Amino acid sequence: MNQTVSVCIPMYNGEKYLRDCLDSVLSQSYWDLEILCVDDQSSDSTVDIVKEYAALDDRIKLHINEENLGLVGNWNKCIELATADYIKYVFQDDVIHPECIAKKMEAIEGFDCPICACRRDFIIENNASKNIRKYFQYDIKKPEHFFGNTDYISADQFGEVAKNFPLANLVGEPSVFLFHKSVIDKMGAFDATFSQLVDFEFVLRMISEFGFVFIPETLAYFRVHGGAESDKNTSLNRSKEKFFKVEYIDNLLFLNKILKNPEFKNYRDSNDLTNYENKFHAIVMNFINEQGKDEMLKTLQPFFQDHFGLEESIEDEIDFYNLNHEVIPLEDLEKTDTNTICWIDQVNEQNYTPGSKIESKSAEHISIKGWALDETTDTIASGVYIEINGKPYQTIYGMERKDVAEHFSKEEYTYCGFYTRIPVSNLKEGENKLSFMVVDQSKKKLFNCEQELSIHILK
């Protein structure tokens, strides 16, 4: 196959790792390349480095944006400037194997599929945050985990797996892909609305239409470091605005697209969407816990016009919340002795050990995540009832409720996750006793199972 490939390198203040990136691109055994280096108004030596390399290899073309377009805007600018029929992204801090492009072009020709992805590995720098390091070392999903050595994965095959992980990028970052430009003409470019899920939304949109060829060989290396956008988006030190955008808004926009947008009609027609619907519901309930209904609506308002069906879906969830989340006085609940369990999983995003003492001095909120479980078949664990220092505080329902068959015991049970952020203003100075009790779906029964949490507020 002798066709030109546009290698797109979007750049912004990338001097630290750019030489490694350019060296890996220039080392490709596939020679027919247009190497587009698109700079988004860098203030370091990024442009000078590219000029140095361009003087030695006329395949390198430098474009400097007249104004800063932002991360996603620069990605799309690369597509706009690319003149070849095939596009290969390589980000400024990533590197690719010398045979990466050659093997992908061969695979695309062999399977007559416009999209090819490969296995990738990670270069984790010492300055990467603890959260992001843990994610890439232990938690990340990889295509080889699900598809093994499969060469071609159809849209339906991918959907069968992806539907079980509604918010997980199962394939990888743009650097693992090579695709024909006609894919963009039909499915559109990157959606600049997103911050963290922009790559996965784009990938799923492509794959849901065309499927993809998968090379189970490591041909790309994604660098993880403190300056990377993924690190900034997930850092514990991120701003409140960034927190809400990444943890709530992006997720809701992504799920809404899958559930409502015409672009994902084929995906909807071929897959059970229950997990997407449940995840959307759980995120909205958590969002209300964080901000309250009115503030959540205010936060989401700018996105309603451009995201089909989002406003209607949010209104439906608020109606559910109004119906189900009132605080029910303890005396109105019928106590039931049954085999139920309630446990706290995390406090302030740290794993919680039962009985341990929690102290808080400067935080505005106390975040609590846990699970309620019922091991019988005549009742349904659907939420938790929370009291603070003996006074009713909140009843939470419908957080990722599931019905599970426990194979080793042949017993069925239900469980639901719950999450709340309690303003410190609702707690007193000194010792506070929080009680969590399991509630059934009728909202009129209280499982006589009490989990207590002690929080010490320091002024």
Protein backbone atom coordinates (compact mmCIF):
# COMPACT_ATOMS: atom_id res chain seq x y z
CA MET A 1 0.00 0.00 0.00
CA ASN A 2 1.62 3.27 -1.12
CA GLN A 3 -0.58 6.05 0.24
CA THR A 4 0.42 9.13 2.18
CA VAL A 5 -0.40 9.25 5.90
CA SER A 6 -0.83 12.57 7.70
CA VAL A 7 0.85 12.24 11.09
CA CYS A 8 -0.82 14.86 13.27
CA ILE A 9 1.14 16.20 16.25
CA PRO A 10 -0.93 18.80 18.16
CA MET A 11 1.41 20.84 20.35
CA TYR A 12 1.28 23.23 23.28
CA ASN A 13 4.32 23.90 25.49
CA GLY A 14 5.61 20.42 24.74
CA GLU A 15 9.35 21.03 24.72
CA LYS A 16 10.13 18.43 27.40
CA TYR A 17 9.15 15.31 25.45
CA LEU A 18 8.77 16.62 21.87
CA ARG A 19 12.15 15.40 20.62
CA ASP A 20 11.31 11.84 21.70
CA CYS A 21 8.01 12.12 19.86
CA LEU A 22 9.55 13.48 16.63
CA ASP A 23 12.37 10.94 16.69
CA SER A 24 9.86 8.09 16.90
CA VAL A 25 7.86 9.47 13.96
CA LEU A 26 10.95 10.01 11.82
CA SER A 27 12.06 6.44 12.60
CA GLN A 28 9.01 4.92 10.89
CA SER A 29 9.71 2.29 8.27
CA TYR A 30 6.71 3.67 6.37
CA TRP A 31 8.22 6.63 4.53
CA ASP A 32 5.31 8.33 2.77
CA LEU A 33 4.36 10.69 5.59
CA GLU A 34 3.10 14.22 5.94
CA ILE A 35 4.19 15.23 9.46
CA LEU A 36 1.92 18.06 10.65
CA CYS A 37 3.12 19.87 13.76
CA VAL A 38 0.31 22.21 14.81
CA ASP A 39 1.23 24.60 17.59
CA ASP A 40 -1.39 26.26 19.78
CA GLN A 41 0.52 29.40 20.76
CA SER A 42 3.26 27.77 22.86
CA SER A 43 5.35 30.01 25.07
CA ASP A 44 8.34 27.64 25.41
CA SER A 45 10.80 26.32 22.81
CA THR A 46 8.32 23.94 21.13
CA VAL A 47 8.26 25.85 17.83
CA ASP A 48 12.06 26.20 17.73
CA ILE A 49 12.45 22.44 18.16
CA VAL A 50 10.11 21.75 15.25
CA LYS A 51 11.95 24.29 13.04
CA GLU A 52 15.21 22.54 13.86
CA TYR A 53 13.80 19.17 12.77
CA ALA A 54 12.01 20.62 9.71
CA ALA A 55 15.34 21.95 8.41
CA LEU A 56 16.54 18.35 8.24
CA ASP A 57 13.39 16.64 6.88
CA ASP A 58 11.04 18.32 4.43
CA ARG A 59 8.15 16.00 5.38
CA ILE A 60 7.69 18.11 8.52
CA LYS A 61 5.24 21.00 8.21
CA LEU A 62 4.80 23.56 10.98
CA HIS A 63 1.56 25.44 11.48
CA ILE A 64 1.12 28.02 14.26
CA ASN A 65 -2.47 28.87 15.19
CA GLU A 66 -3.26 32.58 15.13
CA GLU A 67 -4.92 32.20 18.52
CA ASN A 68 -5.07 29.51 21.18
CA LEU A 69 -7.78 27.00 20.17
CA GLY A 70 -7.57 24.84 23.28
CA LEU A 71 -6.79 21.14 23.48
CA VAL A 72 -9.66 19.75 21.41
CA GLY A 73 -9.76 22.70 19.03
CA ASN A 74 -6.14 22.00 18.16
CA TRP A 75 -6.86 18.31 17.59
CA ASN A 76 -9.54 19.28 15.10
CA LYS A 77 -7.28 21.85 13.47
CA CYS A 78 -4.90 19.00 12.67
CA ILE A 79 -7.68 17.19 10.79
CA GLU A 80 -8.55 20.37 8.91
CA LEU A 81 -4.94 20.84 7.75
CA ALA A 82 -4.25 17.18 6.88
CA THR A 83 -4.03 16.61 3.13
CA ALA A 84 -3.60 12.82 3.10
CA ASP A 85 -6.43 10.28 3.08
CA TYR A 86 -5.15 8.59 6.24
CA ILE A 87 -4.64 10.22 9.65
CA LYS A 88 -2.37 9.09 12.48
CA TYR A 89 -2.30 11.10 15.71
CA VAL A 90 0.85 11.12 17.80
CA PHE A 91 0.65 13.43 20.80
CA GLN A 92 3.66 15.57 21.71
CA ASP A 93 4.59 13.49 24.74
CA ASP A 94 3.94 10.04 23.19
CA VAL A 95 6.11 7.77 21.08
CA ILE A 96 5.37 5.05 18.53
CA HIS A 97 7.15 1.86 17.47
CA PRO A 98 9.17 2.07 14.19
CA GLU A 99 6.74 -0.37 12.53
CA CYS A 100 3.58 1.28 13.91
CA ILE A 101 2.31 2.99 10.77
CA ALA A 102 3.46 0.27 8.36
CA LYS A 103 1.66 -2.48 10.27
CA LYS A 104 -1.50 -0.43 10.64
CA MET A 105 -1.67 0.43 6.95
CA GLU A 106 -1.14 -3.24 6.11
CA ALA A 107 -3.94 -4.23 8.51
CA ILE A 108 -6.37 -1.66 7.09
CA GLU A 109 -5.75 -2.92 3.57
CA GLY A 110 -6.01 -6.57 4.60
CA PHE A 111 -9.36 -6.21 6.36
CA ASP A 112 -10.81 -3.43 4.20
CA CYS A 113 -11.71 -1.51 7.36
CA PRO A 114 -11.07 2.26 7.69
CA ILE A 115 -9.97 2.12 11.36
CA CYS A 116 -7.05 0.35 13.01
CA ALA A 117 -5.94 0.35 16.65
CA CYS A 118 -3.05 -1.34 18.39
CA ARG A 119 -2.08 -2.44 21.84
CA ARG A 120 -0.35 0.30 23.84
CA ASP A 121 1.77 0.61 26.95
CA PHE A 122 2.42 3.48 29.33
CA ILE A 123 5.47 5.51 30.27
CA ILE A 124 4.67 6.74 33.78
CA GLU A 125 6.86 9.61 34.91
CA ASN A 126 7.74 10.25 38.56
CA ASN A 127 5.75 13.51 38.67
CA ALA A 128 2.43 11.82 37.81
CA SER A 129 -0.13 12.19 40.60
CA LYS A 130 -0.92 9.26 42.86
CA ASN A 131 -4.47 8.97 41.51
CA ILE A 132 -3.50 8.92 37.86
CA ARG A 133 -0.56 6.59 38.51
CA LYS A 134 -2.86 4.08 40.22
CA TYR A 135 -5.37 4.31 37.38
CA PHE A 136 -2.86 3.57 34.62
CA GLN A 137 -1.03 0.89 36.59
CA TYR A 138 -3.97 -1.08 37.97
CA ASP A 139 -7.41 0.13 36.92
CA ILE A 140 -7.32 0.92 33.22
CA LYS A 141 -9.21 -1.30 30.79
CA LYS A 142 -7.30 -2.56 27.75
CA PRO A 143 -8.66 -4.12 24.54
CA GLU A 144 -6.45 -7.19 24.87
CA HIS A 145 -8.24 -7.98 28.15
CA PHE A 146 -11.52 -8.42 26.28
CA PHE A 147 -10.67 -9.31 22.68
CA GLY A 148 -7.39 -11.21 23.02
CA ASN A 149 -5.74 -11.68 19.64
CA THR A 150 -8.87 -10.98 17.60
CA ASP A 151 -7.92 -9.28 14.34
CA TYR A 152 -11.20 -7.61 13.42
CA ILE A 153 -13.76 -6.49 15.99
CA SER A 154 -17.17 -5.59 14.61
CA ALA A 155 -19.34 -2.81 15.99
CA ASP A 156 -21.65 -5.42 17.54
CA GLN A 157 -18.78 -7.35 19.14
CA PHE A 158 -17.41 -4.17 20.66
CA GLY A 159 -20.85 -3.09 21.92
CA GLU A 160 -21.38 -6.41 23.69
CA VAL A 161 -18.36 -5.62 25.87
CA ALA A 162 -18.59 -1.82 26.06
CA LYS A 163 -22.16 -1.82 27.40
CA ASN A 164 -20.86 -3.41 30.62
CA PHE A 165 -18.44 -0.51 31.22
CA PRO A 166 -20.45 2.60 30.35
CA LEU A 167 -17.74 5.18 31.06
CA ALA A 168 -14.56 3.20 30.36
CA ASN A 169 -12.39 3.75 27.29
CA LEU A 170 -11.78 0.14 26.30
CA VAL A 171 -9.54 0.83 23.30
CA GLY A 172 -7.23 3.73 24.05
CA GLU A 173 -6.15 7.24 23.30
CA PRO A 174 -5.99 8.79 19.80
CA SER A 175 -2.31 7.82 19.51
CA VAL A 176 -3.27 4.14 19.18
CA PHE A 177 -5.45 4.76 16.08
CA LEU A 178 -4.91 5.21 12.39
CA PHE A 179 -8.02 5.89 10.31
CA HIS A 180 -9.23 6.99 6.88
CA LYS A 181 -10.32 10.60 6.65
CA SER A 182 -13.72 9.52 5.29
CA VAL A 183 -14.57 8.42 8.84
CA ILE A 184 -14.46 12.08 9.89
CA ASP A 185 -16.59 13.10 6.90
CA LYS A 186 -19.32 10.69 7.99
CA MET A 187 -19.09 10.71 11.80
CA GLY A 188 -17.65 14.14 12.60
CA ALA A 189 -14.50 15.23 14.44
CA PHE A 190 -13.76 15.55 18.16
CA ASP A 191 -16.48 17.13 20.30
CA ALA A 192 -14.96 20.14 22.07
CA THR A 193 -17.73 20.07 24.69
CA PHE A 194 -15.84 17.35 26.56
CA SER A 195 -12.81 17.66 28.82
CA GLN A 196 -11.93 14.11 29.89
CA LEU A 197 -14.07 11.83 27.71
CA VAL A 198 -13.41 13.58 24.41
CA ASP A 199 -11.24 10.76 23.03
CA PHE A 200 -13.55 7.93 24.07
CA GLU A 201 -16.67 9.66 22.74
CA PHE A 202 -14.91 10.06 19.38
CA VAL A 203 -13.65 6.47 19.40
CA LEU A 204 -17.03 4.98 20.30
CA ARG A 205 -18.73 7.08 17.64
CA MET A 206 -16.34 5.70 14.99
CA ILE A 207 -16.36 2.10 16.16
CA SER A 208 -20.14 1.95 16.54
CA GLU A 209 -20.35 2.52 12.79
CA PHE A 210 -17.33 0.73 11.34
CA GLY A 211 -15.83 -1.62 13.93
CA PHE A 212 -12.04 -1.71 13.87
CA VAL A 213 -8.97 -3.82 13.12
CA PHE A 214 -6.98 -4.60 16.26
CA ILE A 215 -3.25 -5.36 16.28
CA PRO A 216 -2.47 -7.12 19.61
CA GLU A 217 1.11 -5.87 19.50
CA THR A 218 2.42 -2.86 21.45
CA LEU A 219 3.05 -0.20 18.80
CA ALA A 220 2.29 2.98 20.78
CA TYR A 221 3.41 4.36 24.13
CA PHE A 222 1.28 6.85 26.03
CA ARG A 223 3.23 9.03 28.44
CA VAL A 224 1.67 9.78 31.86
CA HIS A 225 3.10 12.80 33.66
CA GLY A 226 2.17 15.71 35.89
CA GLY A 227 1.70 18.15 33.02
CA ALA A 228 -0.63 15.91 31.02
CA GLU A 229 -4.27 16.90 30.64
CA SER A 230 -5.46 13.56 32.05
CA ASP A 231 -3.42 14.23 35.20
CA LYS A 232 -4.81 17.76 35.57
CA ASN A 233 -8.38 16.52 35.10
CA THR A 234 -8.15 13.91 37.87
CA SER A 235 -5.84 15.61 40.35
CA LEU A 236 -7.06 15.95 43.93
CA ASN A 237 -5.93 19.59 43.72
CA ARG A 238 -8.12 20.46 40.73
CA SER A 239 -10.50 23.38 40.96
CA LYS A 240 -14.13 22.97 41.94
CA GLU A 241 -15.14 23.87 38.37
CA LYS A 242 -12.83 21.21 36.95
CA PHE A 243 -14.17 18.66 39.45
CA PHE A 244 -17.79 19.19 38.39
CA LYS A 245 -16.91 19.27 34.69
CA VAL A 246 -14.97 16.00 34.75
CA GLU A 247 -16.91 14.00 37.36
CA TYR A 248 -20.44 15.06 36.45
CA ILE A 249 -20.97 17.17 33.34
CA ASP A 250 -18.75 15.19 30.97
CA ASN A 251 -20.21 11.90 32.12
CA LEU A 252 -23.80 13.10 31.72
CA LEU A 253 -23.15 14.57 28.27
CA PHE A 254 -21.49 11.34 27.16
CA LEU A 255 -24.25 9.07 28.45
CA ASN A 256 -26.94 11.37 27.05
CA LYS A 257 -25.31 11.21 23.62
CA ILE A 258 -25.44 7.44 23.64
CA LEU A 259 -29.04 7.37 24.89
CA LYS A 260 -30.46 10.16 22.71
CA ASN A 261 -28.29 11.37 19.84
CA PRO A 262 -28.83 10.24 16.22
CA GLU A 263 -25.08 9.58 15.88
CA PHE A 264 -25.44 6.56 18.18
CA LYS A 265 -28.64 5.12 16.69
CA ASN A 266 -26.86 2.00 15.41
CA TYR A 267 -25.30 1.47 18.81
CA ARG A 268 -28.67 1.82 20.55
CA ASP A 269 -30.34 -0.56 18.12
CA SER A 270 -27.73 -3.24 18.76
CA ASN A 271 -27.17 -3.02 22.52
CA ASP A 272 -28.99 -3.20 25.84
CA LEU A 273 -28.76 0.31 27.29
CA THR A 274 -29.74 -0.55 30.88
CA ASN A 275 -26.27 0.09 32.29
CA TYR A 276 -26.10 3.47 30.56
CA GLU A 277 -29.53 4.46 31.92
CA ASN A 278 -28.63 3.34 35.45
CA LYS A 279 -25.32 5.18 35.35
CA PHE A 280 -27.00 8.38 34.10
CA HIS A 281 -29.52 8.14 36.94
CA ALA A 282 -26.85 7.56 39.60
CA ILE A 283 -24.72 10.48 38.42
CA VAL A 284 -27.67 12.89 38.48
CA MET A 285 -28.60 11.80 42.00
CA ASN A 286 -25.01 12.31 43.14
CA PHE A 287 -24.86 15.65 41.36
CA ILE A 288 -27.94 16.81 43.27
CA ASN A 289 -26.30 15.67 46.49
CA GLU A 290 -23.28 17.81 45.61
CA GLN A 291 -24.95 20.99 44.44
CA GLY A 292 -28.68 20.80 45.09
CA LYS A 293 -31.33 20.78 42.34
CA ASP A 294 -31.34 24.47 41.49
CA GLU A 295 -27.56 24.82 41.36
CA MET A 296 -27.24 21.65 39.26
CA LEU A 297 -29.73 23.01 36.73
CA LYS A 298 -27.82 26.28 36.59
CA THR A 299 -24.57 24.39 35.97
CA LEU A 300 -26.07 22.27 33.17
CA GLN A 301 -28.10 25.05 31.53
CA PRO A 302 -25.38 26.07 29.01
CA PHE A 303 -25.35 22.53 27.59
CA PHE A 304 -29.08 22.01 27.04
CA GLN A 305 -29.33 23.69 23.66
CA ASP A 306 -26.54 21.70 21.98
CA HIS A 307 -27.27 18.31 23.57
CA PHE A 308 -30.45 16.77 22.28
CA GLY A 309 -32.76 15.38 24.97
CA LEU A 310 -30.52 16.35 27.91
CA GLU A 311 -32.87 18.90 29.47
CA GLU A 312 -35.84 16.51 29.31
CA SER A 313 -33.81 13.69 30.87
CA ILE A 314 -32.58 15.91 33.70
CA GLU A 315 -36.14 17.09 34.41
CA ASP A 316 -37.29 13.44 34.63
CA GLU A 317 -34.52 12.69 37.13
CA ILE A 318 -35.45 15.71 39.24
CA ASP A 319 -39.06 14.49 39.30
CA PHE A 320 -37.79 11.13 40.57
CA TYR A 321 -35.67 12.86 43.19
CA ASN A 322 -38.58 14.96 44.40
CA LEU A 323 -40.73 11.85 44.70
CA ASN A 324 -38.20 9.62 46.42
CA HIS A 325 -35.70 11.67 48.40
CA GLU A 326 -37.72 13.27 51.11
CA VAL A 327 -36.50 12.67 54.65
CA ILE A 328 -38.84 10.11 56.21
CA PRO A 329 -39.19 10.37 60.00
CA LEU A 330 -37.88 7.29 61.72
CA GLU A 331 -41.24 6.70 63.40
CA ASP A 332 -42.89 6.38 59.98
CA LEU A 333 -40.65 3.54 58.94
CA GLU A 334 -41.49 -0.04 59.83
CA LYS A 335 -38.42 -1.73 61.27
CA THR A 336 -37.74 -5.11 59.74
CA ASP A 337 -35.40 -7.81 61.03
CA THR A 338 -33.80 -9.34 57.97
CA ASN A 339 -30.40 -10.32 56.69
CA THR A 340 -29.09 -6.99 55.45
CA ILE A 341 -25.71 -5.33 55.37
CA CYS A 342 -24.69 -1.71 55.12
CA TRP A 343 -21.06 -0.73 54.90
CA ILE A 344 -18.96 2.35 54.28
CA ASP A 345 -16.44 1.96 51.47
CA GLN A 346 -14.72 5.36 51.30
CA VAL A 347 -14.61 8.61 53.28
CA ASN A 348 -13.15 11.67 51.55
CA GLU A 349 -12.01 9.44 48.64
CA GLN A 350 -9.91 7.27 50.97
CA ASN A 351 -10.65 3.64 51.79
CA TYR A 352 -12.43 3.34 55.14
CA THR A 353 -11.68 0.75 57.80
CA PRO A 354 -14.69 0.06 60.08
CA GLY A 355 -14.24 1.61 63.50
CA SER A 356 -11.50 4.00 62.46
CA LYS A 357 -11.69 7.63 63.54
CA ILE A 358 -12.20 10.27 60.87
CA GLU A 359 -10.92 13.78 61.53
CA SER A 360 -11.60 16.84 59.41
CA LYS A 361 -10.27 20.33 59.88
CA SER A 362 -10.44 22.47 56.73
CA ALA A 363 -12.73 20.55 54.33
CA GLU A 364 -16.08 22.08 53.32
CA HIS A 365 -17.71 18.66 52.82
CA ILE A 366 -17.37 15.10 54.04
CA SER A 367 -17.79 12.69 51.11
CA ILE A 368 -19.06 9.19 51.94
CA LYS A 369 -19.43 6.24 49.59
CA GLY A 370 -20.88 2.86 50.53
CA TRP A 371 -23.18 -0.03 49.72
CA ALA A 372 -26.47 -1.44 51.00
CA LEU A 373 -27.17 -5.13 50.48
CA ASP A 374 -30.09 -7.48 51.09
CA GLU A 375 -29.57 -11.24 50.91
CA THR A 376 -33.24 -12.20 50.80
CA THR A 377 -35.71 -12.32 47.91
CA ASP A 378 -38.78 -10.79 49.56
CA THR A 379 -37.37 -7.28 49.95
CA ILE A 380 -35.22 -5.01 47.79
CA ALA A 381 -32.29 -3.00 49.09
CA SER A 382 -32.85 0.29 47.32
CA GLY A 383 -31.24 2.96 49.46
CA VAL A 384 -30.04 4.18 52.82
CA TYR A 385 -31.53 6.30 55.58
CA ILE A 386 -29.01 8.68 57.18
CA GLU A 387 -29.13 10.32 60.58
CA ILE A 388 -26.64 12.81 62.02
CA ASN A 389 -26.37 12.90 65.79
CA GLY A 390 -29.76 11.22 66.13
CA LYS A 391 -31.59 13.59 63.78
CA PRO A 392 -32.92 12.67 60.29
CA TYR A 393 -30.68 14.00 57.53
CA GLN A 394 -31.24 12.28 54.19
CA THR A 395 -32.73 9.27 52.44
CA ILE A 396 -30.92 8.18 49.27
CA TYR A 397 -32.49 5.87 46.68
CA GLY A 398 -31.65 4.31 43.37
CA MET A 399 -27.88 4.51 43.21
CA GLU A 400 -26.73 1.83 40.76
CA ARG A 401 -29.15 -0.79 42.09
CA LYS A 402 -28.46 -4.30 40.85
CA ASP A 403 -29.93 -7.78 41.15
CA VAL A 404 -27.17 -10.35 41.50
CA ALA A 405 -27.05 -14.14 41.49
CA GLU A 406 -24.36 -15.36 43.88
CA HIS A 407 -23.21 -18.54 42.17
CA PHE A 408 -21.31 -20.15 45.01
CA SER A 409 -24.28 -19.96 47.39
CA LYS A 410 -27.07 -20.10 44.78
CA GLU A 411 -28.77 -17.27 46.64
CA GLU A 412 -30.06 -14.06 45.11
CA TYR A 413 -29.63 -10.66 46.64
CA THR A 414 -29.88 -7.01 45.70
CA TYR A 415 -27.50 -4.19 46.45
CA CYS A 416 -27.22 -0.52 45.69
CA GLY A 417 -24.40 1.94 45.95
CA PHE A 418 -24.86 5.24 47.71
CA TYR A 419 -22.86 8.43 47.76
CA THR A 420 -23.31 11.65 49.67
CA ARG A 421 -21.33 14.79 50.46
CA ILE A 422 -22.33 16.26 53.79
CA PRO A 423 -21.55 19.95 54.32
CA VAL A 424 -19.41 20.45 57.41
CA SER A 425 -21.88 23.17 58.38
CA ASN A 426 -24.34 20.35 59.18
CA LEU A 427 -21.92 18.89 61.70
CA LYS A 428 -21.00 20.16 65.14
CA GLU A 429 -17.54 20.81 66.47
CA GLY A 430 -16.09 17.71 68.08
CA GLU A 431 -17.51 14.21 67.78
CA ASN A 432 -20.38 13.47 65.36
CA LYS A 433 -22.25 10.20 65.04
CA LEU A 434 -23.59 9.31 61.59
CA SER A 435 -25.96 6.36 61.28
CA PHE A 436 -26.69 4.52 58.01
CA MET A 437 -29.63 2.11 57.76
CA VAL A 438 -30.88 0.16 54.76
CA VAL A 439 -34.28 1.08 53.31
CA ASP A 440 -36.39 -1.07 50.98
CA GLN A 441 -37.99 0.11 47.76
CA SER A 442 -41.36 0.81 49.32
CA LYS A 443 -39.72 3.50 51.50
CA LYS A 444 -41.81 2.31 54.39
CA LYS A 445 -39.50 -0.34 55.78
CA LEU A 446 -36.23 0.13 57.58
CA PHE A 447 -33.88 -2.83 57.74
CA ASN A 448 -32.77 -3.16 61.32
CA CYS A 449 -29.10 -3.00 60.44
CA GLU A 450 -27.16 0.03 61.58
CA GLN A 451 -23.75 1.12 60.38
CA GLU A 452 -22.20 3.96 62.34
CA LEU A 453 -19.48 6.40 61.39
CA SER A 454 -17.70 8.74 63.79
CA ILE A 455 -16.39 12.03 62.42
CA HIS A 456 -14.41 14.49 64.56
CA ILE A 457 -14.61 18.09 63.36
CA LEU A 458 -11.64 20.23 64.32
CA LYS A 459 -12.09 24.01 64.24
